[in-house]
C-alpha atoms as a PDB file:
ATOM      1  CA  UNK A   1    -110.611-142.382  27.464  1.00  0.00           C
ATOM      2  CA  UNK A   2    -108.148-145.263  27.993  1.00  0.00           C
ATOM      3  CA  UNK A   3    -105.736-143.617  25.573  1.00  0.00           C
ATOM      4  CA  UNK A   4    -105.758-140.427  27.641  1.00  0.00           C
ATOM      5  CA  UNK A   5    -105.129-142.382  30.839  1.00  0.00           C
ATOM      6  CA  UNK A   6    -102.307-144.373  29.206  1.00  0.00           C
ATOM      7  CA  UNK A   7    -100.818-141.150  27.828  1.00  0.00           C
ATOM      8  CA  UNK A   8    -101.035-139.531  31.254  1.00  0.00           C
ATOM      9  CA  UNK A   9     -99.332-142.541  32.877  1.00  0.00           C
ATOM     10  CA  UNK A  10     -96.547-142.442  30.265  1.00  0.00           C
ATOM     11  CA  UNK A  11     -96.077-138.708  30.870  1.00  0.00           C
ATOM     12  CA  UNK A  12     -95.805-139.310  34.633  1.00  0.00           C
ATOM     13  CA  UNK A  13     -93.270-142.084  34.106  1.00  0.00           C
ATOM     14  CA  UNK A  14     -91.190-139.916  31.758  1.00  0.00           C
ATOM     15  CA  UNK A  15     -91.329-137.056  34.277  1.00  0.00           C
ATOM     16  CA  UNK A  16     -90.207-139.395  37.058  1.00  0.00           C
ATOM     17  CA  UNK A  17     -87.282-140.679  34.970  1.00  0.00           C
ATOM     18  CA  UNK A  18     -86.317-137.082  34.199  1.00  0.00           C
ATOM     19  CA  UNK A  19     -86.322-136.210  37.900  1.00  0.00           C
ATOM     20  CA  UNK A  20     -84.097-139.174  38.730  1.00  0.00           C
ATOM     21  CA  UNK A  21     -81.699-138.304  35.910  1.00  0.00           C
ATOM     22  CA  UNK A  22     -81.609-134.655  36.986  1.00  0.00           C
ATOM     23  CA  UNK A  23     -80.832-135.651  40.582  1.00  0.00           C
ATOM     24  CA  UNK A  24     -78.035-137.975  39.462  1.00  0.00           C
ATOM     25  CA  UNK A  25     -76.504-135.327  37.199  1.00  0.00           C
ATOM     26  CA  UNK A  26     -76.666-132.718  39.974  1.00  0.00           C
ATOM     27  CA  UNK A  27     -75.011-135.149  42.366  1.00  0.00           C
ATOM     28  CA  UNK A  28     -72.264-135.860  39.823  1.00  0.00           C
ATOM     29  CA  UNK A  29     -71.694-132.139  39.259  1.00  0.00           C
ATOM     30  CA  UNK A  30     -71.394-131.583  43.007  1.00  0.00           C
ATOM     31  CA  UNK A  31     -68.910-134.431  43.402  1.00  0.00           C
ATOM     32  CA  UNK A  32     -66.768-133.124  40.549  1.00  0.00           C
ATOM     33  CA  UNK A  33     -66.864-129.601  41.991  1.00  0.00           C
ATOM     34  CA  UNK A  34     -65.788-130.834  45.427  1.00  0.00           C
ATOM     35  CA  UNK A  35     -62.951-132.898  43.915  1.00  0.00           C
ATOM     36  CA  UNK A  36     -61.676-129.955  41.868  1.00  0.00           C
ATOM     37  CA  UNK A  37     -61.678-127.606  44.870  1.00  0.00           C
ATOM     38  CA  UNK A  38     -59.871-130.294  46.904  1.00  0.00           C
ATOM     39  CA  UNK A  39     -57.244-130.445  44.156  1.00  0.00           C
ATOM     40  CA  UNK A  40     -56.821-126.659  44.334  1.00  0.00           C
ATOM     41  CA  UNK A  41     -56.177-126.878  48.080  1.00  0.00           C
ATOM     42  CA  UNK A  42     -53.879-129.899  47.860  1.00  0.00           C
ATOM     43  CA  UNK A  43     -51.788-128.330  45.086  1.00  0.00           C
ATOM     44  CA  UNK A  44     -51.381-125.057  46.968  1.00  0.00           C
ATOM     45  CA  UNK A  45     -53.128-122.956  44.298  1.00  0.00           C
ATOM     46  CA  UNK A  46     -55.580-121.714  46.960  1.00  0.00           C
ATOM     47  CA  UNK A  47     -53.839-120.878  50.219  1.00  0.00           C
ATOM     48  CA  UNK A  48     -54.524-118.599  53.130  1.00  0.00           C
ATOM     49  CA  UNK A  49     -56.119-118.582  56.563  1.00  0.00           C
ATOM     50  CA  UNK A  50     -59.584-119.450  55.209  1.00  0.00           C
ATOM     51  CA  UNK A  51     -58.367-122.462  53.224  1.00  0.00           C
ATOM     52  CA  UNK A  52     -57.249-125.827  54.619  1.00  0.00           C
ATOM     53  CA  UNK A  53     -53.596-126.822  54.813  1.00  0.00           C
ATOM     54  CA  UNK A  54     -52.292-130.359  54.397  1.00  0.00           C
ATOM     55  CA  UNK A  55     -49.497-132.546  55.773  1.00  0.00           C
ATOM     56  CA  UNK A  56     -47.723-135.179  53.754  1.00  0.00           C
ATOM     57  CA  UNK A  57     -49.025-138.745  54.174  1.00  0.00           C
ATOM     58  CA  UNK A  58     -47.544-140.506  57.199  1.00  0.00           C
ATOM     59  CA  UNK A  59     -46.982-143.742  55.281  1.00  0.00           C
ATOM     60  CA  UNK A  60     -44.758-144.203  52.253  1.00  0.00           C
ATOM     61  CA  UNK A  61     -46.837-143.986  49.077  1.00  0.00           C
ATOM     62  CA  UNK A  62     -45.524-145.490  45.805  1.00  0.00           C
ATOM     63  CA  UNK A  63     -44.625-142.969  43.110  1.00  0.00           C
ATOM     64  CA  UNK A  64     -48.191-142.236  42.170  1.00  0.00           C
ATOM     65  CA  UNK A  65     -49.412-138.625  42.186  1.00  0.00           C
ATOM     66  CA  UNK A  66     -53.029-139.735  42.465  1.00  0.00           C
ATOM     67  CA  UNK A  67     -52.405-141.943  45.502  1.00  0.00           C
ATOM     68  CA  UNK A  68     -50.405-139.161  47.141  1.00  0.00           C
ATOM     69  CA  UNK A  69     -53.266-136.739  46.487  1.00  0.00           C
ATOM     70  CA  UNK A  70     -55.919-138.915  48.102  1.00  0.00           C
ATOM     71  CA  UNK A  71     -53.703-139.737  51.112  1.00  0.00           C
ATOM     72  CA  UNK A  72     -53.013-136.111  52.068  1.00  0.00           C
ATOM     73  CA  UNK A  73     -54.087-135.333  55.630  1.00  0.00           C
ATOM     74  CA  UNK A  74     -55.368-131.949  56.865  1.00  0.00           C
ATOM     75  CA  UNK A  75     -53.037-130.329  59.453  1.00  0.00           C
ATOM     76  CA  UNK A  76     -55.601-130.301  62.278  1.00  0.00           C
ATOM     77  CA  UNK A  77     -59.257-130.835  63.044  1.00  0.00           C
ATOM     78  CA  UNK A  78     -59.893-127.151  62.239  1.00  0.00           C
ATOM     79  CA  UNK A  79     -58.329-127.684  58.806  1.00  0.00           C
ATOM     80  CA  UNK A  80     -60.543-130.746  58.312  1.00  0.00           C
ATOM     81  CA  UNK A  81     -63.601-128.625  59.133  1.00  0.00           C
ATOM     82  CA  UNK A  82     -62.477-126.019  56.591  1.00  0.00           C
ATOM     83  CA  UNK A  83     -62.069-128.765  53.992  1.00  0.00           C
ATOM     84  CA  UNK A  84     -65.584-130.099  54.614  1.00  0.00           C
ATOM     85  CA  UNK A  85     -67.036-126.599  54.512  1.00  0.00           C
ATOM     86  CA  UNK A  86     -65.364-125.752  51.205  1.00  0.00           C
ATOM     87  CA  UNK A  87     -66.287-129.126  49.694  1.00  0.00           C
ATOM     88  CA  UNK A  88     -69.913-128.485  50.701  1.00  0.00           C
ATOM     89  CA  UNK A  89     -69.840-124.986  49.219  1.00  0.00           C
ATOM     90  CA  UNK A  90     -68.209-126.224  45.994  1.00  0.00           C
ATOM     91  CA  UNK A  91     -70.789-128.993  45.699  1.00  0.00           C
ATOM     92  CA  UNK A  92     -73.741-126.610  45.926  1.00  0.00           C
ATOM     93  CA  UNK A  93     -72.393-123.444  44.302  1.00  0.00           C
ATOM     94  CA  UNK A  94     -72.322-124.313  40.630  1.00  0.00           C
ATOM     95  CA  UNK A  95     -70.318-121.216  39.598  1.00  0.00           C
ATOM     96  CA  UNK A  96     -67.555-121.415  42.230  1.00  0.00           C
ATOM     97  CA  UNK A  97     -65.328-123.977  40.517  1.00  0.00           C
ATOM     98  CA  UNK A  98     -65.685-122.658  36.927  1.00  0.00           C
ATOM     99  CA  UNK A  99     -64.988-119.109  38.158  1.00  0.00           C
ATOM    100  CA  UNK A 100     -61.844-120.286  39.965  1.00  0.00           C
ATOM    101  CA  UNK A 101     -60.679-122.142  36.849  1.00  0.00           C
ATOM    102  CA  UNK A 102     -61.210-119.023  34.715  1.00  0.00           C
ATOM    103  CA  UNK A 103     -59.336-116.861  37.243  1.00  0.00           C
ATOM    104  CA  UNK A 104     -56.385-119.263  37.338  1.00  0.00           C
ATOM    105  CA  UNK A 105     -56.303-119.453  33.534  1.00  0.00           C
ATOM    106  CA  UNK A 106     -56.275-115.645  33.346  1.00  0.00           C
ATOM    107  CA  UNK A 107     -53.407-115.435  35.842  1.00  0.00           C
ATOM    108  CA  UNK A 108     -51.443-118.051  33.894  1.00  0.00           C
ATOM    109  CA  UNK A 109     -51.974-116.138  30.636  1.00  0.00           C
ATOM    110  CA  UNK A 110     -50.852-112.868  32.283  1.00  0.00           C
ATOM    111  CA  UNK A 111     -47.697-114.415  33.712  1.00  0.00           C
ATOM    112  CA  UNK A 112     -46.908-116.038  30.358  1.00  0.00           C
ATOM    113  CA  UNK A 113     -47.343-112.675  28.627  1.00  0.00           C
ATOM    114  CA  UNK A 114     -45.010-110.978  31.151  1.00  0.00           C
ATOM    115  CA  UNK A 115     -42.337-113.652  30.678  1.00  0.00           C
ATOM    116  CA  UNK A 116     -42.396-113.196  26.890  1.00  0.00           C
ATOM    117  CA  UNK A 117     -42.027-109.415  27.141  1.00  0.00           C
END
């Protein structure tokens, strides 16, 4: 009887650790997705009225592309709202970012094929 109880307790502890790990991995995936979509917007790969636009940083940033990227400022408060909305969507929609990457890769391959022709 004690062995069954001990086994049940171990199973519950393993399940709890699995839940924590799953939550952490999901959080990490969401953060990465939001960062990738932010990079798409900042680079100008995704533009249009539904996507946020950015101004250059107001202060002089040393020649570091990463620092320039994180110091970009949305054009207005409406653009900031669009950025938050898209970051939220990218964090929860697990297929959005991979689909965008595949689409961009396909467009790059098509343009490369046209240039070689």
